[in-house]
N, C-alpha and C. Protein backbone atom coordinates (compact mmCIF):
# COMPACT_ATOMS: atom_id res chain seq x y z
N MET A 1 181.76 124.96 7.64
CA MET A 1 182.34 123.49 7.11
C MET A 1 182.20 122.72 8.32
N GLU A 2 181.41 121.44 7.81
CA GLU A 2 180.80 120.67 8.57
C GLU A 2 181.39 119.81 9.37
N LYS A 3 181.60 119.14 10.53
CA LYS A 3 182.20 118.23 11.18
C LYS A 3 181.25 117.40 11.79
N MET A 4 181.97 116.29 12.36
CA MET A 4 181.21 114.93 12.79
C MET A 4 181.61 114.45 14.07
N ILE A 5 180.67 114.53 15.02
CA ILE A 5 180.92 113.97 16.30
C ILE A 5 179.95 112.75 16.69
N LYS A 6 180.39 112.15 17.45
CA LYS A 6 179.84 111.04 18.12
C LYS A 6 178.78 111.49 19.09
N ILE A 7 177.82 111.00 18.80
CA ILE A 7 176.45 111.24 20.37
C ILE A 7 176.32 109.87 20.51
N HIS A 8 175.80 109.87 21.96
CA HIS A 8 175.60 108.73 22.53
C HIS A 8 173.96 109.17 23.14
N LEU A 9 172.96 108.25 22.55
CA LEU A 9 171.58 108.45 22.73
C LEU A 9 171.34 107.30 23.83
N GLU A 10 170.48 107.31 24.85
CA GLU A 10 170.06 106.63 25.85
C GLU A 10 168.32 107.30 26.00
N LYS A 11 167.31 106.17 26.08
CA LYS A 11 166.39 106.25 26.51
C LYS A 11 166.07 106.18 27.97
N LEU A 12 165.49 107.29 28.46
CA LEU A 12 165.17 107.04 30.14
C LEU A 12 164.00 106.61 30.55
N PRO A 13 164.16 105.97 32.00
CA PRO A 13 163.01 105.64 32.31
C PRO A 13 161.64 106.41 31.99
N GLU A 14 161.64 107.52 32.15
CA GLU A 14 160.52 108.44 31.86
C GLU A 14 160.01 108.55 30.23
N GLY A 15 160.69 107.55 29.40
CA GLY A 15 160.03 107.86 27.95
C GLY A 15 161.21 108.76 27.31
N LEU A 16 161.89 109.62 28.16
CA LEU A 16 162.40 110.84 26.89
C LEU A 16 163.62 109.98 26.61
N TYR A 17 164.46 110.79 25.68
CA TYR A 17 165.69 110.57 25.38
C TYR A 17 167.00 111.57 25.73
N LEU A 18 168.06 110.98 26.34
CA LEU A 18 169.15 111.77 26.33
C LEU A 18 170.25 111.48 25.24
N ALA A 19 170.74 112.85 24.87
CA ALA A 19 172.30 112.65 24.06
C ALA A 19 173.06 113.20 24.68
N THR A 20 174.36 112.34 25.01
CA THR A 20 175.64 113.21 25.32
C THR A 20 176.77 112.76 24.38
N SER A 21 177.73 113.51 24.34
CA SER A 21 179.08 113.34 23.72
C SER A 21 180.49 113.10 24.13
N ASP A 22 181.13 112.28 23.91
CA ASP A 22 182.65 112.34 24.45
C ASP A 22 183.40 113.24 23.74
N ASP A 23 183.08 113.93 22.44
CA ASP A 23 183.89 114.60 21.65
C ASP A 23 183.77 116.01 22.12
N ILE A 24 182.54 116.33 22.47
CA ILE A 24 182.14 117.66 23.09
C ILE A 24 181.88 117.96 24.15
N GLN A 25 182.74 118.20 25.20
CA GLN A 25 182.45 118.48 26.79
C GLN A 25 181.32 119.42 26.67
N GLY A 26 180.42 118.83 28.08
CA GLY A 26 179.37 119.74 28.11
C GLY A 26 178.00 119.51 27.33
N LEU A 27 178.09 118.72 26.22
CA LEU A 27 177.26 118.41 25.30
C LEU A 27 175.74 117.52 26.05
N VAL A 28 174.86 118.29 26.32
CA VAL A 28 173.51 117.42 26.92
C VAL A 28 172.41 117.77 26.15
N ALA A 29 171.71 116.89 25.70
CA ALA A 29 170.31 117.28 25.41
C ALA A 29 169.49 116.26 25.38
N GLN A 30 168.05 116.54 25.59
CA GLN A 30 166.81 116.07 25.98
C GLN A 30 165.75 116.35 25.43
N GLY A 31 165.00 114.95 24.70
CA GLY A 31 163.86 115.32 23.87
C GLY A 31 162.76 114.14 23.95
N ARG A 32 161.76 114.62 23.43
CA ARG A 32 160.77 113.43 23.41
C ARG A 32 160.96 112.05 22.53
N THR A 33 161.52 112.87 21.30
CA THR A 33 161.89 111.64 20.06
C THR A 33 163.40 111.87 19.84
N ILE A 34 163.78 110.32 19.39
CA ILE A 34 165.22 110.70 18.78
C ILE A 34 165.49 111.67 17.86
N SER A 35 164.42 111.90 17.05
CA SER A 35 164.81 113.23 16.18
C SER A 35 164.85 114.48 16.61
N GLU A 36 163.82 114.63 17.92
CA GLU A 36 163.80 115.89 18.43
C GLU A 36 165.24 116.13 19.39
N THR A 37 165.64 114.73 19.79
CA THR A 37 166.94 115.16 20.80
C THR A 37 168.20 115.20 20.06
N LEU A 38 168.14 114.77 18.78
CA LEU A 38 169.19 114.68 17.86
C LEU A 38 169.38 116.20 17.47
N GLU A 39 167.87 116.83 17.01
CA GLU A 39 167.87 118.20 16.55
C GLU A 39 168.45 119.27 17.60
N ILE A 40 168.20 119.03 18.90
CA ILE A 40 168.77 119.63 20.14
C ILE A 40 169.94 119.55 20.46
N ALA A 41 170.65 118.55 20.23
CA ALA A 41 172.06 118.32 20.31
C ALA A 41 172.95 119.02 19.28
N ARG A 42 172.36 119.17 17.95
CA ARG A 42 172.87 119.56 16.99
C ARG A 42 173.44 121.03 17.16
N ASP A 43 172.30 121.71 17.68
CA ASP A 43 172.22 123.07 18.37
C ASP A 43 173.17 123.14 19.52
N VAL A 44 173.00 122.34 20.22
CA VAL A 44 173.59 122.82 21.54
C VAL A 44 175.32 122.44 21.11
N ALA A 45 175.32 121.29 20.11
CA ALA A 45 176.97 121.44 19.86
C ALA A 45 177.42 122.73 19.18
N ARG A 46 176.75 123.17 18.40
CA ARG A 46 177.02 124.32 17.49
C ARG A 46 177.26 125.51 18.41
N LYS A 47 176.53 125.98 19.17
CA LYS A 47 176.96 126.55 20.27
C LYS A 47 178.05 126.52 21.07
N LEU A 48 178.02 125.30 21.58
CA LEU A 48 179.68 124.86 22.29
C LEU A 48 180.56 125.11 21.40
N ILE A 49 180.52 124.53 20.40
CA ILE A 49 182.10 124.95 19.42
C ILE A 49 182.49 126.41 19.26
N GLU A 50 181.21 127.27 18.99
CA GLU A 50 181.73 128.46 18.93
C GLU A 50 181.95 129.09 19.95
N GLU A 51 181.37 128.84 21.42
CA GLU A 51 181.87 129.45 22.50
C GLU A 51 183.04 129.28 23.01
N GLN A 52 183.38 127.57 22.71
CA GLN A 52 184.58 127.00 23.57
C GLN A 52 185.58 126.98 22.14
N GLY A 53 185.35 127.39 21.08
CA GLY A 53 186.46 127.52 20.04
C GLY A 53 187.38 126.27 19.88
N PHE A 54 186.47 125.11 19.73
CA PHE A 54 187.15 123.68 19.37
C PHE A 54 188.30 123.95 18.21
N PRO A 55 189.30 123.47 18.28
CA PRO A 55 190.32 123.65 17.04
C PRO A 55 189.59 122.46 16.40
N ALA A 56 189.97 122.66 14.81
CA ALA A 56 189.39 121.64 13.82
C ALA A 56 189.80 120.01 13.97
N VAL A 57 191.15 120.11 14.59
CA VAL A 57 191.90 118.66 14.77
C VAL A 57 190.96 117.60 15.45
N ASN A 58 189.96 118.28 16.58
CA ASN A 58 189.27 117.84 17.63
C ASN A 58 188.41 117.14 17.26
N LEU A 59 187.37 117.43 15.77
CA LEU A 59 186.47 117.15 15.58
C LEU A 59 186.55 116.39 14.33
N GLY A 60 186.01 115.53 13.83
CA GLY A 60 186.06 114.55 12.34
C GLY A 60 185.40 115.29 11.25
N ALA A 61 186.41 115.78 10.33
CA ALA A 61 185.74 115.91 9.13
C ALA A 61 184.73 114.81 8.59
N ILE A 62 183.76 115.50 7.72
CA ILE A 62 183.03 114.29 7.03
C ILE A 62 183.36 113.95 5.81
N SER A 63 183.59 112.80 5.57
CA SER A 63 184.22 112.08 4.25
C SER A 63 182.90 111.56 3.41
N ASP A 64 183.31 110.97 2.55
CA ASP A 64 182.37 110.76 1.49
C ASP A 64 181.63 109.40 1.84
N SER A 65 182.41 108.79 2.88
CA SER A 65 181.35 107.37 3.47
C SER A 65 181.64 107.58 5.01
N PHE A 66 180.61 107.12 5.50
CA PHE A 66 180.64 106.81 7.28
C PHE A 66 179.68 105.90 7.41
N GLU A 67 179.94 105.29 8.78
CA GLU A 67 178.61 104.29 9.20
C GLU A 67 177.83 105.01 10.10
N TYR A 68 176.27 104.51 9.67
CA TYR A 68 175.38 104.93 10.61
C TYR A 68 174.62 104.03 11.13
N PRO A 69 174.03 103.89 12.17
CA PRO A 69 173.35 102.81 13.05
C PRO A 69 171.73 103.03 12.41
N LEU A 70 171.31 101.86 11.88
CA LEU A 70 169.93 101.83 11.53
C LEU A 70 169.09 101.09 12.12
N ILE A 71 168.21 101.16 12.99
CA ILE A 71 167.21 100.26 13.74
C ILE A 71 166.07 99.90 12.89
N VAL A 72 166.07 98.69 12.74
CA VAL A 72 164.79 97.99 12.02
C VAL A 72 164.19 97.07 13.05
N GLY A 73 162.68 97.56 13.12
CA GLY A 73 161.85 96.46 13.66
C GLY A 73 161.72 95.64 13.01
N THR A 74 161.36 94.38 13.75
CA THR A 74 160.91 92.75 13.22
C THR A 74 159.60 92.68 13.88
């Protein structure tokens, strides 16, 4: 079953991206691109959920609609 967690992305001065989450304690991921960082964060989240056994009520189930920030350059 898929769950949705909120990820905070931050661009570091070195040009790398850092992902953390208030939903899953201990989730920290770093990558060269946003895509790579999110992929690493997904793997880390999966491992933390398996190891820490988060109850289903702590994580939001994916509904038919949700908001997603879309960044558009002008």
